[in-house]
C-alpha atoms as a PDB file:
ATOM      1  CA  MET A   1      30.639-191.004  61.102  1.00  0.00           C
ATOM      2  CA  ARG A   2      26.950-189.752  59.672  1.00  0.00           C
ATOM      3  CA  LYS A   3      24.443-191.753  60.726  1.00  0.00           C
ATOM      4  CA  THR A   4      20.611-191.762  59.875  1.00  0.00           C
ATOM      5  CA  ILE A   5      18.459-191.405  62.535  1.00  0.00           C
ATOM      6  CA  VAL A   6      14.457-192.336  61.910  1.00  0.00           C
ATOM      7  CA  ALA A   7      11.539-191.687  64.356  1.00  0.00           C
ATOM      8  CA  VAL A   8       8.507-193.480  63.514  1.00  0.00           C
ATOM      9  CA  GLY A   9       4.856-192.554  64.856  1.00  0.00           C
ATOM     10  CA  ALA A  10       1.526-194.049  64.826  1.00  0.00           C
ATOM     11  CA  HIS A  11       0.073-190.446  64.153  1.00  0.00           C
ATOM     12  CA  THR A  12       1.523-187.055  63.039  1.00  0.00           C
ATOM     13  CA  GLY A  13       3.077-185.704  66.515  1.00  0.00           C
ATOM     14  CA  ASP A  14       3.649-188.811  67.691  1.00  0.00           C
ATOM     15  CA  ALA A  15       7.186-188.914  66.675  1.00  0.00           C
ATOM     16  CA  GLN A  16       7.824-185.364  66.758  1.00  0.00           C
ATOM     17  CA  LEU A  17       6.665-184.960  70.254  1.00  0.00           C
ATOM     18  CA  THR A  18       8.105-188.131  71.772  1.00  0.00           C
ATOM     19  CA  ALA A  19      11.380-188.229  69.996  1.00  0.00           C
ATOM     20  CA  GLY A  20      11.640-185.179  68.419  1.00  0.00           C
ATOM     21  CA  LEU A  21      14.367-184.203  71.093  1.00  0.00           C
ATOM     22  CA  LEU A  22      16.194-186.838  70.232  1.00  0.00           C
ATOM     23  CA  LEU A  23      15.864-186.210  66.599  1.00  0.00           C
ATOM     24  CA  ALA A  24      16.888-182.711  67.504  1.00  0.00           C
ATOM     25  CA  LYS A  25      20.552-183.292  69.420  1.00  0.00           C
ATOM     26  CA  HIS A  26      21.308-185.871  66.631  1.00  0.00           C
ATOM     27  CA  ALA A  27      20.518-183.278  63.606  1.00  0.00           C
ATOM     28  CA  MET A  28      22.447-180.505  65.486  1.00  0.00           C
ATOM     29  CA  ALA A  29      25.035-182.744  65.881  1.00  0.00           C
ATOM     30  CA  GLY A  30      25.432-183.229  61.902  1.00  0.00           C
ATOM     31  CA  HIS A  31      23.472-186.680  62.012  1.00  0.00           C
ATOM     32  CA  LYS A  32      20.638-187.305  58.916  1.00  0.00           C
ATOM     33  CA  VAL A  33      17.093-187.344  60.825  1.00  0.00           C
ATOM     34  CA  ALA A  34      14.142-188.488  59.526  1.00  0.00           C
ATOM     35  CA  THR A  35      10.173-188.681  61.051  1.00  0.00           C
ATOM     36  CA  VAL A  36       7.820-191.354  59.431  1.00  0.00           C
ATOM     37  CA  ASP A  37       4.074-191.026  60.584  1.00  0.00           C
ATOM     38  CA  LEU A  38       1.826-194.312  59.700  1.00  0.00           C
ATOM     39  CA  THR A  39      -1.069-191.996  59.423  1.00  0.00           C
ATOM     40  CA  ALA A  40      -1.764-188.455  59.371  1.00  0.00           C
ATOM     41  CA  GLY A  41      -3.454-188.190  62.916  1.00  0.00           C
ATOM     42  CA  GLU A  42      -6.520-186.422  60.893  1.00  0.00           C
ATOM     43  CA  ARG A  43      -8.875-187.448  63.433  1.00  0.00           C
ATOM     44  CA  GLY A  44      -7.697-185.748  66.166  1.00  0.00           C
ATOM     45  CA  CYS A  45      -9.101-182.303  63.905  1.00  0.00           C
ATOM     46  CA  PRO A  46      -9.915-179.204  65.653  1.00  0.00           C
ATOM     47  CA  ALA A  47     -13.453-178.744  66.538  1.00  0.00           C
ATOM     48  CA  GLY A  48     -15.736-177.532  63.809  1.00  0.00           C
ATOM     49  CA  ARG A  49     -12.845-178.696  61.522  1.00  0.00           C
ATOM     50  CA  THR A  50     -13.453-182.336  59.291  1.00  0.00           C
ATOM     51  CA  PRO A  51     -10.450-184.975  58.848  1.00  0.00           C
ATOM     52  CA  GLU A  52     -10.425-184.956  55.181  1.00  0.00           C
ATOM     53  CA  ASP A  53      -9.983-180.602  55.259  1.00  0.00           C
ATOM     54  CA  PHE A  54      -7.377-181.339  58.899  1.00  0.00           C
ATOM     55  CA  ARG A  55      -5.528-183.895  57.121  1.00  0.00           C
ATOM     56  CA  PRO A  56      -3.378-181.417  54.590  1.00  0.00           C
ATOM     57  CA  GLU A  57      -2.727-179.234  57.129  1.00  0.00           C
ATOM     58  CA  ASN A  58      -0.970-181.676  59.464  1.00  0.00           C
ATOM     59  CA  VAL A  59       1.219-183.237  56.676  1.00  0.00           C
ATOM     60  CA  ALA A  60       2.298-179.816  56.054  1.00  0.00           C
ATOM     61  CA  ALA A  61       2.532-179.339  59.719  1.00  0.00           C
ATOM     62  CA  ALA A  62       5.067-182.430  59.791  1.00  0.00           C
ATOM     63  CA  GLN A  63       7.069-181.599  56.876  1.00  0.00           C
ATOM     64  CA  ALA A  64       7.702-178.248  58.349  1.00  0.00           C
ATOM     65  CA  PHE A  65       9.136-179.575  61.834  1.00  0.00           C
ATOM     66  CA  ALA A  66      11.234-181.917  59.974  1.00  0.00           C
ATOM     67  CA  GLN A  67      12.791-179.328  57.203  1.00  0.00           C
ATOM     68  CA  GLY A  68      13.059-177.204  60.860  1.00  0.00           C
ATOM     69  CA  LEU A  69      15.309-180.037  62.254  1.00  0.00           C
ATOM     70  CA  GLY A  70      17.300-180.091  58.332  1.00  0.00           C
ATOM     71  CA  GLY A  71      15.466-183.485  57.940  1.00  0.00           C
ATOM     72  CA  GLU A  72      12.942-185.100  56.207  1.00  0.00           C
ATOM     73  CA  SER A  73       8.955-186.368  56.793  1.00  0.00           C
ATOM     74  CA  TYR A  74       7.017-188.924  55.561  1.00  0.00           C
ATOM     75  CA  VAL A  75       3.470-189.526  55.881  1.00  0.00           C
ATOM     76  CA  LEU A  76       1.943-192.535  55.027  1.00  0.00           C
ATOM     77  CA  ASP A  77      -2.035-193.438  53.754  1.00  0.00           C
ATOM     78  CA  ALA A  78      -3.215-195.677  56.465  1.00  0.00           C
ATOM     79  CA  PRO A  79      -6.421-193.970  57.947  1.00  0.00           C
ATOM     80  CA  ASP A  80      -6.018-192.359  61.644  1.00  0.00           C
ATOM     81  CA  GLY A  81      -7.653-195.028  64.035  1.00  0.00           C
ATOM     82  CA  GLU A  82      -7.456-197.936  61.532  1.00  0.00           C
ATOM     83  CA  LEU A  83      -3.761-198.580  61.589  1.00  0.00           C
ATOM     84  CA  GLU A  84      -3.591-202.547  60.880  1.00  0.00           C
ATOM     85  CA  HIS A  85      -0.342-204.629  61.662  1.00  0.00           C
ATOM     86  CA  THR A  86      -0.026-206.502  57.994  1.00  0.00           C
ATOM     87  CA  GLN A  87       3.083-207.950  55.949  1.00  0.00           C
ATOM     88  CA  ALA A  88       2.459-204.923  53.587  1.00  0.00           C
ATOM     89  CA  ALA A  89       2.403-202.336  55.965  1.00  0.00           C
ATOM     90  CA  ALA A  90       5.575-203.860  57.352  1.00  0.00           C
ATOM     91  CA  LEU A  91       7.162-203.839  53.797  1.00  0.00           C
ATOM     92  CA  GLU A  92       6.242-200.408  52.768  1.00  0.00           C
ATOM     93  CA  LEU A  93       8.099-199.237  56.163  1.00  0.00           C
ATOM     94  CA  ALA A  94      11.121-201.422  55.338  1.00  0.00           C
ATOM     95  CA  SER A  95      11.274-200.627  51.969  1.00  0.00           C
ATOM     96  CA  LEU A  96      11.188-196.811  53.228  1.00  0.00           C
ATOM     97  CA  LEU A  97      13.532-197.620  56.005  1.00  0.00           C
ATOM     98  CA  ARG A  98      15.870-199.299  53.028  1.00  0.00           C
ATOM     99  CA  ARG A  99      15.894-196.157  50.769  1.00  0.00           C
ATOM    100  CA  LEU A 100      16.934-193.558  53.900  1.00  0.00           C
ATOM    101  CA  LYS A 101      20.071-196.540  55.256  1.00  0.00           C
ATOM    102  CA  ALA A 102      18.342-196.010  58.450  1.00  0.00           C
ATOM    103  CA  ASP A 103      20.946-196.560  61.370  1.00  0.00           C
ATOM    104  CA  ALA A 104      18.939-196.467  64.087  1.00  0.00           C
ATOM    105  CA  VAL A 105      14.729-196.430  64.622  1.00  0.00           C
ATOM    106  CA  LEU A 106      12.890-195.010  67.227  1.00  0.00           C
ATOM    107  CA  CYS A 107       9.169-196.259  67.719  1.00  0.00           C
ATOM    108  CA  HIS A 108       6.280-196.750  70.107  1.00  0.00           C
ATOM    109  CA  TRP A 109       6.881-199.050  73.013  1.00  0.00           C
ATOM    110  CA  LYS A 110       4.655-202.344  72.748  1.00  0.00           C
ATOM    111  CA  HIS A 111       1.945-201.857  74.964  1.00  0.00           C
ATOM    112  CA  SER A 112      -0.568-198.826  74.705  1.00  0.00           C
ATOM    113  CA  MET A 113      -3.770-197.845  75.690  1.00  0.00           C
ATOM    114  CA  HIS A 114      -4.290-197.007  71.772  1.00  0.00           C
ATOM    115  CA  LYS A 115      -4.424-199.269  69.317  1.00  0.00           C
ATOM    116  CA  ASP A 116      -2.928-197.417  66.567  1.00  0.00           C
ATOM    117  CA  HIS A 117       0.450-197.458  68.698  1.00  0.00           C
ATOM    118  CA  ILE A 118       0.362-201.030  69.401  1.00  0.00           C
ATOM    119  CA  ALA A 119      -0.141-201.944  65.337  1.00  0.00           C
ATOM    120  CA  ALA A 120       2.638-198.858  64.827  1.00  0.00           C
ATOM    121  CA  TYR A 121       5.401-200.923  67.486  1.00  0.00           C
ATOM    122  CA  LYS A 122       4.335-204.337  65.495  1.00  0.00           C
ATOM    123  CA  ILE A 123       4.663-202.759  61.837  1.00  0.00           C
ATOM    124  CA  THR A 124       7.917-201.169  63.014  1.00  0.00           C
ATOM    125  CA  THR A 125       9.798-204.290  64.282  1.00  0.00           C
ATOM    126  CA  ASP A 126       8.564-206.331  61.206  1.00  0.00           C
ATOM    127  CA  ALA A 127       9.743-203.620  59.062  1.00  0.00           C
ATOM    128  CA  VAL A 128      13.279-203.519  60.783  1.00  0.00           C
ATOM    129  CA  PHE A 129      13.584-206.986  60.319  1.00  0.00           C
ATOM    130  CA  PHE A 130      12.705-207.283  56.822  1.00  0.00           C
ATOM    131  CA  ALA A 131      14.717-203.782  56.155  1.00  0.00           C
ATOM    132  CA  ALA A 132      17.846-205.226  57.928  1.00  0.00           C
ATOM    133  CA  LEU A 133      17.873-208.676  56.759  1.00  0.00           C
ATOM    134  CA  GLY A 134      20.372-209.346  53.678  1.00  0.00           C
ATOM    135  CA  THR A 135      19.005-212.738  52.543  1.00  0.00           C
ATOM    136  CA  PHE A 136      15.362-210.682  51.850  1.00  0.00           C
ATOM    137  CA  PRO A 137      14.606-210.288  48.266  1.00  0.00           C
ATOM    138  CA  HIS A 138      14.409-206.718  47.391  1.00  0.00           C
ATOM    139  CA  GLU A 139      15.898-204.308  44.622  1.00  0.00           C
ATOM    140  CA  LEU A 140      17.645-201.820  47.630  1.00  0.00           C
ATOM    141  CA  PRO A 141      20.607-203.412  49.759  1.00  0.00           C
ATOM    142  CA  PRO A 142      19.425-203.942  53.216  1.00  0.00           C
ATOM    143  CA  ALA A 143      19.769-201.084  56.071  1.00  0.00           C
ATOM    144  CA  PRO A 144      22.407-201.017  58.406  1.00  0.00           C
ATOM    145  CA  ILE A 145      19.734-200.879  61.557  1.00  0.00           C
ATOM    146  CA  ARG A 146      22.112-201.078  64.983  1.00  0.00           C
ATOM    147  CA  ARG A 147      19.877-199.611  67.379  1.00  0.00           C
ATOM    148  CA  VAL A 148      15.806-200.106  67.983  1.00  0.00           C
ATOM    149  CA  LEU A 149      14.728-197.960  70.861  1.00  0.00           C
ATOM    150  CA  PHE A 150      11.484-196.982  72.064  1.00  0.00           C
ATOM    151  CA  ALA A 151      10.338-193.596  72.840  1.00  0.00           C
ATOM    152  CA  GLU A 152       8.495-192.718  76.053  1.00  0.00           C
ATOM    153  CA  ASN A 153       4.831-191.836  75.568  1.00  0.00           C
ATOM    154  CA  TRP A 154       2.047-191.081  78.285  1.00  0.00           C
ATOM    155  CA  GLU A 155       0.035-193.293  76.039  1.00  0.00           C
ATOM    156  CA  ASP A 156       2.061-196.121  76.048  1.00  0.00           C
ATOM    157  CA  ALA A 157       3.349-195.933  79.830  1.00  0.00           C
ATOM    158  CA  GLU A 158       2.352-199.671  80.840  1.00  0.00           C
ATOM    159  CA  HIS A 159       5.313-201.722  81.930  1.00  0.00           C
ATOM    160  CA  PHE A 160       7.551-199.189  79.914  1.00  0.00           C
ATOM    161  CA  SER A 161      11.002-199.125  82.042  1.00  0.00           C
ATOM    162  CA  PRO A 162      13.536-196.230  80.642  1.00  0.00           C
ATOM    163  CA  TYR A 163      16.719-198.092  80.075  1.00  0.00           C
ATOM    164  CA  LEU A 164      18.754-195.390  78.038  1.00  0.00           C
ATOM    165  CA  TYR A 165      19.086-191.626  79.109  1.00  0.00           C
ATOM    166  CA  PHE A 166      20.174-188.380  76.902  1.00  0.00           C
ATOM    167  CA  ASP A 167      21.282-185.290  77.585  1.00  0.00           C
ATOM    168  CA  VAL A 168      18.926-183.199  75.347  1.00  0.00           C
ATOM    169  CA  THR A 169      19.434-179.934  77.257  1.00  0.00           C
ATOM    170  CA  GLU A 170      21.208-177.995  74.372  1.00  0.00           C
ATOM    171  CA  ALA A 171      18.754-179.708  71.733  1.00  0.00           C
ATOM    172  CA  PHE A 172      15.821-178.228  73.812  1.00  0.00           C
ATOM    173  CA  PRO A 173      15.620-174.435  71.997  1.00  0.00           C
ATOM    174  CA  LEU A 174      15.399-176.049  68.571  1.00  0.00           C
ATOM    175  CA  TRP A 175      12.753-178.707  69.263  1.00  0.00           C
ATOM    176  CA  GLN A 176      10.802-176.290  71.269  1.00  0.00           C
ATOM    177  CA  SER A 177      10.363-174.076  68.332  1.00  0.00           C
ATOM    178  CA  ASN A 178       9.804-176.242  66.005  1.00  0.00           C
ATOM    179  CA  ILE A 179       7.052-178.760  67.564  1.00  0.00           C
ATOM    180  CA  ARG A 180       4.707-175.780  68.135  1.00  0.00           C
ATOM    181  CA  LYS A 181       4.156-175.688  64.159  1.00  0.00           C
ATOM    182  CA  LEU A 182       2.074-178.605  65.060  1.00  0.00           C
ATOM    183  CA  TRP A 183      -1.420-178.035  66.070  1.00  0.00           C
ATOM    184  CA  LEU A 184      -2.325-180.917  68.827  1.00  0.00           C
ATOM    185  CA  ALA A 185       1.455-179.474  70.848  1.00  0.00           C
ATOM    186  CA  GLU A 186      -0.605-176.515  72.379  1.00  0.00           C
ATOM    187  CA  ASN A 187      -4.043-176.813  71.346  1.00  0.00           C
ATOM    188  CA  SER A 188      -5.622-180.117  71.716  1.00  0.00           C
ATOM    189  CA  ARG A 189      -8.501-179.904  74.143  1.00  0.00           C
ATOM    190  CA  SER A 190      -7.601-183.482  75.427  1.00  0.00           C
ATOM    191  CA  PHE A 191      -4.140-183.356  76.616  1.00  0.00           C
ATOM    192  CA  GLN A 192      -1.409-180.547  77.300  1.00  0.00           C
ATOM    193  CA  TYR A 193       0.980-182.071  75.213  1.00  0.00           C
ATOM    194  CA  LEU A 194       3.858-179.170  75.174  1.00  0.00           C
ATOM    195  CA  ARG A 195       3.251-178.922  78.956  1.00  0.00           C
ATOM    196  CA  TYR A 196       3.571-182.936  79.510  1.00  0.00           C
ATOM    197  CA  TYR A 197       6.644-183.447  77.502  1.00  0.00           C
ATOM    198  CA  ASP A 198       8.436-180.227  78.344  1.00  0.00           C
ATOM    199  CA  ALA A 199       8.071-181.073  82.054  1.00  0.00           C
ATOM    200  CA  LEU A 200       8.717-184.698  81.348  1.00  0.00           C
ATOM    201  CA  SER A 201      12.085-183.633  79.636  1.00  0.00           C
ATOM    202  CA  VAL A 202      13.370-181.765  82.789  1.00  0.00           C
ATOM    203  CA  THR A 203      12.287-184.926  85.040  1.00  0.00           C
ATOM    204  CA  ARG A 204      14.541-187.227  83.234  1.00  0.00           C
ATOM    205  CA  GLY A 205      17.044-184.233  83.295  1.00  0.00           C
ATOM    206  CA  CYS A 206      17.068-184.611  87.279  1.00  0.00           C
ATOM    207  CA  LEU A 207      17.690-188.256  86.939  1.00  0.00           C
ATOM    208  CA  ILE A 208      20.842-187.877  85.248  1.00  0.00           C
ATOM    209  CA  GLY A 209      21.918-184.690  86.855  1.00  0.00           C
ATOM    210  CA  LYS A 210      20.941-182.642  83.603  1.00  0.00           C
ATOM    211  CA  GLU A 211      18.561-179.673  82.606  1.00  0.00           C
ATOM    212  CA  ARG A 212      16.754-181.685  80.263  1.00  0.00           C
ATOM    213  CA  ALA A 213      16.679-185.269  79.047  1.00  0.00           C
ATOM    214  CA  VAL A 214      14.515-187.923  77.778  1.00  0.00           C
ATOM    215  CA  ALA A 215      14.470-191.921  78.196  1.00  0.00           C
ATOM    216  CA  CYS A 216      13.969-194.846  75.858  1.00  0.00           C
ATOM    217  CA  ALA A 217      13.418-198.204  76.701  1.00  0.00           C
ATOM    218  CA  VAL A 218      14.495-201.216  74.958  1.00  0.00           C
ATOM    219  CA  GLU A 219      13.870-205.360  74.354  1.00  0.00           C
ATOM    220  CA  ASP A 220      14.982-207.262  77.304  1.00  0.00           C
ATOM    221  CA  PHE A 221      17.081-209.235  75.077  1.00  0.00           C
ATOM    222  CA  ALA A 222      19.162-205.948  74.149  1.00  0.00           C
ATOM    223  CA  LYS A 223      20.005-205.066  77.823  1.00  0.00           C
ATOM    224  CA  ARG A 224      23.021-207.721  77.876  1.00  0.00           C
ATOM    225  CA  GLN A 225      26.498-205.672  78.743  1.00  0.00           C
ATOM    226  CA  VAL A 226      29.458-207.345  78.947  1.00  0.00           C
ATOM    227  CA  LEU A 227      32.157-205.905  80.987  1.00  0.00           C
ATOM    228  CA  GLU A 228      35.666-206.728  81.581  1.00  0.00           C
ATOM    229  CA  ALA A 229      36.118-205.778  85.114  1.00  0.00           C
ATOM    230  CA  LEU A 230      34.258-203.951  88.378  1.00  0.00           C
END
C-alpha cells in the first residue's frame, strides 16, 4: 500500500539533512514523500547576504530537493529564530497533514540547544494529535497517522536514544545528489553538515551490519512490543 511520509523541520535544511535519507528510501519504494519547513532558515544566510534576500533561495532549494526525490515541499511563513508553539501554528500544520493524508511523520526530538527545534517538536506533536483526531471539527477527513518518529539531529542530542534503525544504503546516492542543492549542506562556516550526516549514516550502518543506516527515536509509550514467545 502506498503511504505518505512527511518530514517536518524547524528550518529549511533540518528535515532534508536528518530525515532526507529515509524519505529517499521510501520514495524509491514508490511512496509519497513531503518536507514541511516551519521557517525558511533565512537567518543562516551567507556572509554579505540579508535574510530577506536569502529566503527565496532557500525556499527554491527546498523545492528542488523534494522534487529530486519525486516529492513535495512546503515552507511556512514563521520568521527564522522566532518560531513559537501556538495553537494556530499547530492547526496550520494539522490542516496540511490532513490534506497530504499523512501516514507517518518525522520531526525533531523534544530536547535541543535550539529554541526553534523545541517549538517545532511541540507544534508537530500537537498537529499530529489534531490531524488524526476524528472528532476534531475540520473540513478535511482525519489523517491516517500511525507512526511518529524523531530524526537524529546533532543539535537535538540531549536524551536522544536511537530505537529504530533503517538500512538506507541504496538511497544514499539519491539523497547525496539532492542535499547538495541546499547551500547549508556544504557551505556553512559554522558546521560541516553534509560531512557529519554522511559519516553518521556510516556509523549507524556499522551498528546493524549495513553500509549506511539512519536511526530514529520514539516516545517511551511507543516502545511497547508484544511477543508470542521467546
